[in-house]
Protein backbone atom coordinates (compact mmCIF):
# COMPACT_ATOMS: atom_id res chain seq x y z
CA MET A 1 43.10 42.34 68.66
CA VAL A 2 40.74 40.64 66.20
CA ASN A 3 40.95 41.95 62.62
CA LEU A 4 38.07 41.39 60.20
CA LEU A 5 37.74 42.51 56.59
CA ALA A 6 34.45 43.94 55.34
CA PHE A 7 33.75 44.67 51.69
CA ASP A 8 30.91 47.17 51.31
CA LEU A 9 29.95 47.43 47.65
CA GLY A 10 27.68 50.37 46.93
CA ALA A 11 25.89 51.47 43.79
CA THR A 12 28.40 54.29 43.19
CA SER A 13 31.52 53.16 45.08
CA GLY A 14 33.01 50.22 46.91
CA ARG A 15 35.33 50.01 49.88
CA ALA A 16 37.39 47.55 51.86
CA VAL A 17 37.29 48.24 55.59
CA ILE A 18 39.17 46.48 58.38
CA GLY A 19 37.35 46.22 61.68
CA HIS A 20 39.67 46.11 64.68
CA PHE A 21 38.01 44.60 67.76
CA SER A 22 39.88 45.04 71.05
CA GLY A 23 37.39 43.08 73.11
CA GLU A 24 35.75 46.31 74.29
CA ARG A 25 35.74 48.69 71.32
CA LEU A 26 35.45 48.48 67.56
CA THR A 27 37.35 50.77 65.20
CA LEU A 28 37.13 50.87 61.40
CA GLU A 29 40.01 51.46 59.01
CA GLU A 30 39.35 51.99 55.32
CA VAL A 31 42.17 50.40 53.31
CA HIS A 32 40.78 50.61 49.78
CA ARG A 33 38.08 52.58 47.95
CA PHE A 34 37.06 52.55 44.30
CA SER A 35 34.46 53.99 41.98
CA ASN A 36 31.67 51.68 40.82
CA SER A 37 30.24 53.10 37.63
CA PRO A 38 27.86 51.32 35.22
CA VAL A 39 28.71 50.95 31.55
CA GLN A 40 26.26 51.64 28.72
CA LEU A 41 27.05 49.16 25.97
CA GLY A 42 24.71 48.83 23.02
CA ASN A 43 21.13 48.66 24.25
CA HIS A 44 21.89 47.80 27.87
CA LEU A 45 23.34 49.26 31.05
CA TYR A 46 25.75 46.88 32.77
CA TRP A 47 27.71 46.64 35.99
CA ASP A 48 31.44 46.32 35.37
CA PHE A 49 31.71 43.14 37.42
CA LEU A 50 35.25 42.39 36.25
CA ASN A 51 36.40 45.69 37.72
CA ILE A 52 34.41 45.09 40.91
CA TYR A 53 36.08 41.72 41.40
CA ARG A 54 39.51 43.10 40.55
CA GLN A 55 39.05 45.84 43.13
CA VAL A 56 37.94 43.30 45.75
CA GLU A 57 41.17 41.38 45.20
CA ALA A 58 43.11 44.67 45.42
CA GLY A 59 41.40 45.43 48.74
CA LEU A 60 42.15 41.94 49.99
CA LEU A 61 45.83 42.35 49.13
CA LYS A 62 46.06 45.75 50.84
CA ALA A 63 44.39 44.36 53.95
CA PHE A 64 46.99 41.58 54.19
CA GLN A 65 49.81 44.04 53.62
CA GLN A 66 48.64 46.04 56.66
CA ASN A 67 47.65 43.12 58.91
CA HIS A 68 49.51 39.90 59.35
CA PHE A 69 46.36 37.95 60.21
CA LEU A 70 42.66 38.35 59.36
CA ALA A 71 40.09 36.34 61.31
CA GLY A 72 37.31 36.63 58.74
CA LEU A 73 35.90 38.27 55.62
CA GLY A 74 32.36 39.38 54.73
CA ILE A 75 30.80 41.04 51.68
CA ASP A 76 27.66 43.16 51.36
CA SER A 77 26.21 45.06 48.41
CA TRP A 78 23.05 46.65 47.04
CA GLY A 79 20.12 44.30 46.41
CA VAL A 80 18.15 42.98 43.41
CA ASP A 81 21.04 42.60 40.94
CA PHE A 82 22.53 39.23 40.06
CA GLY A 83 24.97 37.35 37.86
CA LEU A 84 24.49 34.10 35.98
CA ILE A 85 26.95 31.20 36.01
CA ASP A 86 26.96 28.47 33.34
CA GLN A 87 27.18 24.72 33.91
CA GLN A 88 30.99 24.89 33.83
CA GLY A 89 31.06 27.52 36.58
CA ASP A 90 31.94 30.47 34.33
CA LEU A 91 30.37 33.93 34.38
CA LEU A 92 27.79 34.50 31.64
CA GLY A 93 28.39 38.17 30.89
CA ASN A 94 28.38 41.27 33.04
CA PRO A 95 25.28 41.66 35.24
CA ILE A 96 22.57 43.99 33.95
CA HIS A 97 22.18 47.18 36.02
CA TYR A 98 18.87 47.49 37.88
CA ARG A 99 18.17 50.82 36.13
CA ASP A 100 18.38 49.19 32.69
CA HIS A 101 15.36 49.81 30.48
CA GLN A 102 14.70 46.11 29.81
CA THR A 103 12.03 46.13 32.55
CA ASP A 104 10.03 49.02 31.07
CA GLY A 105 6.45 47.76 30.77
CA ILE A 106 7.32 44.32 32.18
CA MET A 107 5.40 44.64 35.45
CA GLU A 108 2.05 44.60 33.65
CA LYS A 109 3.04 41.46 31.72
CA VAL A 110 3.94 39.72 34.98
CA PHE A 111 0.61 40.72 36.54
CA ASP A 112 -1.14 39.03 33.59
CA GLN A 113 0.40 35.78 34.87
CA VAL A 114 0.16 36.31 38.66
CA SER A 115 -1.75 39.16 40.28
CA ARG A 116 -0.05 41.97 42.12
CA LYS A 117 -1.91 41.04 45.31
CA GLU A 118 -0.86 37.39 45.18
CA ILE A 119 2.79 38.23 44.52
CA PHE A 120 2.78 40.52 47.55
CA GLN A 121 1.08 37.91 49.73
CA ARG A 122 3.72 35.37 48.72
CA THR A 123 6.84 37.57 48.85
CA GLY A 124 5.94 40.64 50.96
CA ILE A 125 8.14 42.78 48.70
CA GLN A 126 7.53 46.32 47.42
CA PHE A 127 6.76 46.60 43.71
CA MET A 128 9.54 48.32 41.79
CA GLN A 129 10.48 47.61 38.21
CA ILE A 130 14.11 47.24 39.32
CA ASN A 131 13.32 44.01 41.20
CA THR A 132 15.04 40.77 40.19
CA LEU A 133 11.70 39.16 39.33
CA PHE A 134 11.02 41.70 36.57
CA HIS A 135 14.55 41.54 35.14
CA LEU A 136 14.39 37.75 34.93
CA TYR A 137 10.96 37.88 33.33
CA ALA A 138 12.21 40.45 30.83
CA MET A 139 15.10 38.13 29.93
CA LYS A 140 12.65 35.27 29.46
CA GLU A 141 10.38 37.42 27.27
CA ASN A 142 13.38 38.52 25.19
CA HIS A 143 14.63 34.92 24.85
CA SER A 144 17.94 35.79 26.42
CA PRO A 145 20.56 33.14 25.55
CA LEU A 146 22.20 33.90 28.91
CA LEU A 147 19.13 32.79 30.83
CA GLU A 148 18.81 29.70 28.63
CA LYS A 149 22.42 28.69 29.36
CA ALA A 150 22.42 29.60 33.05
CA GLY A 151 23.09 26.93 35.65
CA THR A 152 23.25 29.21 38.69
CA LEU A 153 21.93 32.62 39.76
CA LEU A 154 23.89 34.46 42.43
CA MET A 155 23.17 37.89 43.88
CA ILE A 156 26.09 40.34 43.61
CA PRO A 157 27.71 39.68 47.04
CA SER A 158 27.28 35.92 46.62
CA LEU A 159 28.72 36.20 43.10
CA VAL A 160 31.88 37.91 44.40
CA ARG A 161 32.04 35.37 47.21
CA TYR A 162 31.75 32.49 44.71
CA PHE A 163 34.83 33.58 42.80
CA LEU A 164 36.76 33.91 46.07
CA THR A 165 35.66 30.59 47.58
CA GLY A 166 34.26 28.41 44.79
CA GLU A 167 31.05 27.91 46.81
CA LYS A 168 27.63 28.63 45.25
CA ILE A 169 25.55 29.65 48.29
CA GLY A 170 22.86 32.33 48.61
CA GLU A 171 22.09 34.47 51.67
CA PHE A 172 18.75 35.35 53.28
CA THR A 173 18.77 39.18 53.36
CA SER A 174 19.95 39.46 49.77
CA ALA A 175 17.63 36.71 48.46
CA THR A 176 14.53 38.41 49.85
CA THR A 177 15.13 41.48 47.65
CA THR A 178 14.47 39.40 44.51
CA GLN A 179 10.67 39.26 45.05
CA LEU A 180 10.97 35.51 44.38
CA PHE A 181 11.51 34.40 48.00
CA HIS A 182 8.50 33.21 50.00
CA VAL A 183 8.07 35.55 52.96
CA HIS A 184 6.45 32.92 55.24
CA GLN A 185 8.14 29.71 54.09
CA ARG A 186 11.53 31.48 54.14
CA GLN A 187 12.75 29.75 50.99
CA TRP A 188 12.64 30.27 47.24
CA ASP A 189 9.03 30.41 46.08
CA LYS A 190 9.17 27.49 43.67
CA GLU A 191 5.50 27.76 42.72
CA LEU A 192 5.82 31.44 41.78
CA ILE A 193 9.03 30.75 39.86
CA GLN A 194 7.32 27.93 37.92
CA ARG A 195 4.20 29.97 37.16
CA LEU A 196 6.36 32.74 35.69
CA GLY A 197 8.19 30.23 33.53
CA LEU A 198 11.59 30.91 35.10
CA PRO A 199 14.25 28.18 35.44
CA GLU A 200 13.84 26.78 38.96
CA GLU A 201 17.22 25.00 38.98
CA ILE A 202 19.29 28.22 38.96
CA PHE A 203 18.28 29.22 42.50
CA GLN A 204 20.82 28.09 45.10
CA PRO A 205 20.45 27.13 48.80
CA VAL A 206 20.13 30.12 51.13
CA VAL A 207 21.81 30.51 54.53
CA GLN A 208 21.18 32.94 57.38
CA PRO A 209 23.52 35.88 58.16
CA GLY A 210 26.43 34.74 60.30
CA SER A 211 26.96 31.43 58.46
CA LEU A 212 30.45 30.23 57.54
CA VAL A 213 30.35 29.67 53.78
CA GLY A 214 33.89 28.70 52.86
CA SER A 215 37.39 30.12 52.75
CA ILE A 216 39.59 31.85 50.19
CA GLN A 217 40.52 29.36 47.48
CA PRO A 218 44.19 28.27 47.27
CA ASN A 219 44.47 29.56 43.68
CA VAL A 220 43.34 33.04 44.79
CA ARG A 221 45.76 33.06 47.72
CA GLN A 222 48.58 31.89 45.46
CA ARG A 223 47.87 34.46 42.74
CA LEU A 224 47.80 37.30 45.27
CA GLY A 225 50.75 35.99 47.22
CA LEU A 226 48.80 35.75 50.49
CA ALA A 227 50.78 34.03 53.21
CA GLN A 228 47.84 33.22 55.52
CA ALA A 229 46.96 29.55 55.15
CA SER A 230 43.21 29.99 55.55
CA LEU A 231 40.78 32.89 55.70
CA PRO A 232 37.16 32.09 56.71
CA VAL A 233 34.50 33.76 54.59
CA ILE A 234 31.25 34.56 56.37
CA ALA A 235 27.85 35.28 54.86
CA VAL A 236 27.03 38.49 56.71
CA ALA A 237 23.76 40.36 56.17
CA GLU A 238 24.76 40.59 52.51
CA HIS A 239 22.15 43.15 51.50
CA ASP A 240 23.83 46.39 52.52
CA THR A 241 20.69 47.72 54.21
CA GLY A 242 20.56 44.54 56.27
CA SER A 243 24.10 45.23 57.48
CA ALA A 244 23.27 48.90 58.10
CA VAL A 245 20.29 47.97 60.29
CA VAL A 246 22.50 45.64 62.34
CA SER A 247 24.54 48.73 63.26
CA ILE A 248 21.61 50.78 64.64
CA PRO A 249 22.91 51.87 68.09
CA THR A 250 19.76 51.17 70.09
CA ASP A 251 18.71 48.93 72.96
CA GLN A 252 15.00 49.33 72.15
CA GLU A 253 12.82 46.52 70.85
CA HIS A 254 10.90 48.86 68.54
CA PHE A 255 12.85 51.54 66.68
CA ALA A 256 12.73 53.39 63.38
CA TYR A 257 15.77 53.76 61.13
CA LEU A 258 16.83 55.51 57.97
CA SER A 259 19.69 54.02 56.00
CA CYS A 260 20.64 56.92 53.79
CA GLY A 261 22.75 56.80 50.64
CA THR A 262 22.03 56.47 46.92
CA TRP A 263 18.72 55.03 48.13
CA SER A 264 16.95 56.01 51.35
CA LEU A 265 15.49 53.03 53.18
CA LEU A 266 13.21 53.96 56.05
CA GLY A 267 11.64 51.32 58.25
CA THR A 268 11.54 49.28 61.43
CA GLU A 269 12.66 45.83 62.50
CA VAL A 270 9.86 43.28 63.03
CA GLN A 271 9.80 39.68 64.18
CA GLN A 272 7.16 38.67 61.61
CA PRO A 273 6.55 40.14 58.14
CA VAL A 274 3.75 42.66 57.75
CA VAL A 275 1.73 41.43 54.79
CA ASN A 276 -1.68 43.09 54.77
CA GLU A 277 -3.84 45.31 52.60
CA GLU A 278 -2.38 48.53 54.02
CA ALA A 279 1.18 47.42 53.34
CA LEU A 280 0.21 46.46 49.79
CA THR A 281 -1.73 49.69 49.20
CA TRP A 282 1.20 51.85 50.28
CA ASN A 283 3.76 49.60 48.56
CA PHE A 284 5.87 48.70 51.59
CA THR A 285 8.37 45.87 51.66
CA ASN A 286 9.51 43.08 53.99
CA GLU A 287 13.22 42.35 53.49
CA GLY A 288 15.16 39.77 55.46
CA GLY A 289 17.10 40.84 58.54
CA ILE A 290 19.39 39.49 61.22
CA ASP A 291 18.29 36.50 63.37
CA GLY A 292 15.34 35.76 61.09
CA THR A 293 13.78 39.19 61.56
CA TYR A 294 12.32 41.28 58.75
CA ARG A 295 12.92 44.88 57.82
CA PHE A 296 9.52 46.45 57.21
CA LEU A 297 10.44 49.49 55.16
CA LYS A 298 9.98 51.68 52.15
CA ASN A 299 12.56 52.24 49.43
CA ILE A 300 12.80 55.97 48.70
CA MET A 301 14.79 57.41 45.80
CA GLY A 302 17.47 58.92 48.06
CA LEU A 303 20.58 60.93 47.26
CA TRP A 304 20.67 59.47 43.75
CA LEU A 305 18.79 62.66 42.87
CA VAL A 306 21.66 64.83 44.13
CA GLU A 307 24.37 62.56 42.71
CA GLU A 308 22.82 62.64 39.25
CA CYS A 309 22.44 66.44 39.28
CA ARG A 310 26.08 66.78 40.26
CA ARG A 311 27.13 64.34 37.50
CA ILE A 312 25.20 66.31 34.88
CA TRP A 313 26.64 69.63 36.03
CA GLU A 314 30.16 68.23 35.89
CA LYS A 315 29.47 66.95 32.38
CA GLU A 316 28.29 70.44 31.41
CA HIS A 317 31.46 71.98 32.93
CA ARG A 318 29.53 73.50 35.82
CA ALA A 319 31.20 71.39 38.49
CA VAL A 320 30.46 72.34 42.09
CA SER A 321 31.70 70.68 45.27
CA TYR A 322 29.29 68.79 47.50
CA GLN A 323 29.77 71.28 50.33
CA GLU A 324 29.19 74.21 47.99
CA MET A 325 25.95 72.62 46.78
CA LEU A 326 24.74 72.35 50.37
CA ARG A 327 25.77 75.94 51.14
CA LEU A 328 23.85 77.19 48.12
CA ALA A 329 20.83 75.09 49.09
CA GLU A 330 20.83 76.38 52.65
CA SER A 331 20.87 79.99 51.45
CA SER A 332 17.97 79.44 49.01
CA ARG A 333 14.36 80.23 49.91
CA PRO A 334 12.46 77.37 51.59
CA PHE A 335 9.58 75.43 50.03
CA VAL A 336 9.45 77.26 46.71
CA SER A 337 8.94 73.95 44.89
CA LEU A 338 8.77 70.26 45.82
CA ILE A 339 8.90 66.90 44.06
CA ASP A 340 7.81 63.36 44.79
CA PRO A 341 11.25 61.68 44.97
CA ASP A 342 9.71 58.36 43.92
CA ASP A 343 8.11 59.53 40.72
CA ASP A 344 8.99 57.13 37.88
CA GLN A 345 10.63 59.87 35.83
CA PHE A 346 13.46 60.06 38.39
CA LEU A 347 14.41 56.36 38.06
CA HIS A 348 16.75 56.75 35.08
CA PRO A 349 16.42 60.19 33.43
CA SER A 350 18.99 61.33 30.90
CA HIS A 351 19.18 64.76 32.61
CA MET A 352 18.15 64.87 36.29
CA PRO A 353 17.99 68.70 36.71
CA LYS A 354 15.67 68.97 33.68
CA ALA A 355 13.55 66.08 35.01
CA ILE A 356 13.10 67.94 38.31
CA GLN A 357 12.21 71.15 36.48
CA GLN A 358 9.72 69.30 34.28
CA PHE A 359 8.04 67.75 37.33
CA CYS A 360 7.62 71.22 38.85
CA ARG A 361 6.31 72.57 35.56
CA ILE A 362 3.59 69.93 35.14
CA THR A 363 2.55 70.28 38.81
CA ASP A 364 2.14 74.08 38.40
CA GLN A 365 4.99 75.06 40.73
CA PRO A 366 7.77 77.62 40.32
CA ILE A 367 10.65 76.17 38.29
CA PRO A 368 13.89 75.81 40.31
CA LEU A 369 16.68 77.27 38.18
CA THR A 370 19.85 77.65 40.24
CA THR A 371 22.01 74.94 41.79
CA GLY A 372 20.87 75.96 45.27
CA GLU A 373 17.18 75.97 44.34
CA ILE A 374 17.35 72.51 42.77
CA ILE A 375 19.31 70.94 45.67
CA ARG A 376 17.04 72.56 48.26
CA CYS A 377 14.01 71.24 46.38
CA ILE A 378 15.49 67.71 46.53
CA LEU A 379 16.47 67.79 50.21
CA GLU A 380 13.21 69.32 51.43
CA SER A 381 11.26 66.79 49.39
CA LEU A 382 13.27 63.88 50.79
CA ALA A 383 12.76 65.08 54.38
CA CYS A 384 9.02 65.44 53.82
CA LYS A 385 8.83 61.98 52.23
CA TYR A 386 10.62 60.55 55.28
CA ARG A 387 7.90 61.96 57.54
CA PHE A 388 5.15 60.67 55.27
CA VAL A 389 6.62 57.16 55.24
CA LEU A 390 7.39 57.09 58.98
CA GLU A 391 3.82 58.03 59.85
CA LYS A 392 2.50 55.30 57.55
CA ILE A 393 4.77 52.77 59.29
CA GLU A 394 3.35 53.83 62.64
CA GLU A 395 -0.21 53.46 61.33
CA ILE A 396 0.41 50.01 59.85
CA THR A 397 2.47 48.49 62.69
CA GLY A 398 0.74 50.20 65.62
CA ASN A 399 4.14 51.22 67.04
CA THR A 400 5.22 54.80 67.72
CA PHE A 401 8.76 56.14 67.58
CA SER A 402 10.07 59.09 69.55
CA GLU A 403 13.19 59.40 67.41
CA LEU A 404 14.67 58.26 64.12
CA TYR A 405 18.08 56.55 63.84
CA MET A 406 19.97 57.61 60.73
CA VAL A 407 23.02 55.71 59.43
CA GLY A 408 25.02 55.50 56.22
CA GLY A 409 27.02 57.86 54.05
CA GLY A 410 24.07 60.22 53.58
CA SER A 411 24.17 60.99 57.30
CA ARG A 412 27.26 63.13 56.58
CA ASN A 413 24.90 65.55 54.85
CA GLN A 414 24.23 67.81 57.84
CA LEU A 415 21.63 69.87 56.00
CA LEU A 416 19.58 66.75 55.19
CA CYS A 417 19.90 65.58 58.82
CA GLN A 418 18.55 68.91 60.09
CA PHE A 419 15.80 69.01 57.46
CA THR A 420 14.78 65.49 58.49
CA ALA A 421 14.49 66.49 62.16
CA ASN A 422 12.52 69.58 61.12
CA ALA A 423 10.12 67.61 58.95
CA LEU A 424 9.56 64.84 61.50
CA GLY A 425 9.28 67.13 64.50
CA ARG A 426 11.38 64.53 66.35
CA SER A 427 14.99 63.94 67.31
CA VAL A 428 17.22 62.38 64.68
CA TRP A 429 20.11 60.30 66.05
CA VAL A 430 22.90 60.20 63.46
CA GLY A 431 25.68 57.63 63.32
CA PRO A 432 27.64 55.60 62.65
CA THR A 433 28.28 57.07 59.21
CA GLU A 434 29.96 53.80 58.19
CA GLY A 435 27.01 51.84 59.52
CA THR A 436 27.01 49.22 56.76
CA ALA A 437 30.67 48.31 57.28
CA ALA A 438 30.18 48.28 61.05
CA GLY A 439 27.18 45.96 60.71
CA ASN A 440 29.15 43.70 58.38
CA VAL A 441 31.96 43.42 60.94
CA VAL A 442 29.79 42.75 64.00
CA VAL A 443 27.98 39.90 62.20
CA GLN A 444 31.40 38.38 61.63
CA LEU A 445 32.18 38.83 65.32
CA MET A 446 28.93 37.06 66.19
CA ALA A 447 29.70 34.22 63.76
CA LEU A 448 33.16 33.72 65.29
CA GLY A 449 31.83 33.74 68.86
CA HIS A 450 33.24 37.10 70.00
CA LEU A 451 29.71 38.50 70.51
CA LYS A 452 26.78 36.47 71.80
CA ASN A 453 23.87 38.12 70.01
CA ILE A 454 22.54 41.21 68.24
CA ARG A 455 21.94 42.98 71.55
CA GLU A 456 25.66 42.76 72.37
CA ALA A 457 26.50 43.80 68.81
CA ARG A 458 24.42 46.98 69.04
CA GLN A 459 25.81 47.75 72.47
CA LEU A 460 29.32 47.51 70.99
CA ILE A 461 28.28 49.95 68.24
CA ARG A 462 26.90 52.42 70.83
CA GLU A 463 30.12 52.31 72.81
CA SER A 464 32.43 52.54 69.80
CA PHE A 465 31.08 55.33 67.59
CA PRO A 466 29.93 58.90 68.27
CA ILE A 467 26.27 59.79 67.84
CA GLN A 468 25.08 63.28 66.90
CA ILE A 469 21.53 64.32 67.77
CA TYR A 470 19.58 66.81 65.64
CA GLU A 471 16.57 68.50 67.22
CA PRO A 472 13.63 70.01 65.27
CA GLN A 473 13.79 73.68 64.27
CA GLU A 474 11.55 76.14 62.36
CA GLU A 475 8.41 74.18 63.22
CA GLU A 476 5.85 76.52 61.61
CA ILE A 477 7.69 76.77 58.29
CA TRP A 478 8.04 73.00 58.12
CA LYS A 479 4.45 72.39 59.11
CA GLU A 480 3.29 74.51 56.17
CA GLY A 481 5.85 72.91 53.87
CA TYR A 482 4.72 69.40 54.81
CA GLU A 483 1.10 70.27 54.12
CA LYS A 484 2.15 71.50 50.68
CA PHE A 485 4.04 68.24 50.12
CA CYS A 486 1.04 66.10 51.11
CA SER A 487 -1.16 68.03 48.67
CA LEU A 488 1.39 67.30 45.96
CA LEU A 489 1.39 63.56 46.78
CA LYS A 490 -2.38 63.36 46.48
CA ARG A 491 -1.96 64.27 42.83
CA ASN A 492 1.06 62.04 42.35
CA ARG A 493 0.48 59.12 44.74
CA ARG A 494 2.62 55.99 44.79
């Protein structure tokens, strides 16, 4: 039995998962889970990196307590966010959260320096104000002393890995999310970095997924009381969507996937980036993938909308369980009101339910009032946006897809899975639910020589985890609902 430890750090929670590989099957065992909540301090929203790192060490300790030997360790997390290290190797403050307001209005200032079209031609990345490029430019504009003192920039998974191993090494899938990585040269875009006046020296060498990047430092092993003499640390597909796509249980060359969680990322795997006028017009992105591939996809606002509604209701002492929310949504009338999930007002509202109601008000729709009406509005809108994006991908790439593969924690939401099949008019293949952790583990298996290639990795996933298939229902209702959604987008296009 080969035991491998995967840390999957999400925007709302993190987990430590042990992958047990028998030689024929892979099983996953969660040994540690923790909440990952941002902290508003003064004028900024921060990640609590000290807690994240402490919880990683706690997960590492629990994994050793349950397994006498681990063959490898890999870390993945959300993209775009980063930490800064000074010349002495110390952390310069907690990383700023991607939803922080420091990037409000910054995109236009950047475009005064380098045009939107040229940035896309160089990086192939979707324009969102959360991107690393805009946060760094905001820090430069605000004369941040942290940026002035920085010696090294590391994305969140590489930052955690640095404090475990002492090695300052970047990783391809995570680096591409910055919008500062050249999509064709496959390295940091030094010219773009210089033209924006950013410090070129802080960007570290980047390796491909599956590279050995060190081992747990002796001082970490000693502090935790770990008996194992050495534990290899592997740079997996460190952007969590990159790991999730590795786990897609298909043997097809062309396939469409939806990695569903706080964000919904819908796309396809391509051998070469798609950087053309259509991709720019519709604001698609090309993020790094396994074996030098790219993930041509669209970032969609995802279940953040539901999570924020639930948080607000709990704060207002109207707490309702996740299952109860879905039951209430299912019993509510269909297509009373819809939203564009990617409207800017949903990026960081102070009160998500009121933001949804305000959107419906200004678009002359009935105002959803109850819990069920609001959740149904969100889920129907997401499903319709998935269809809209999938059809655009087919137009731009020239490929057609008979089904959609859906992975990630959001795939546990059976109502959303059924709505997605209904909206698409196609089969939706759901699983594995822990796709990101599974993808993290199989990249480690490839790096250690237990699997030959990605084809074997995906075959192992197919044989190890159950897949549930959702077929389209209520075709006429959803056809009318989708037409209503498209009319809404014409007035609110992004």
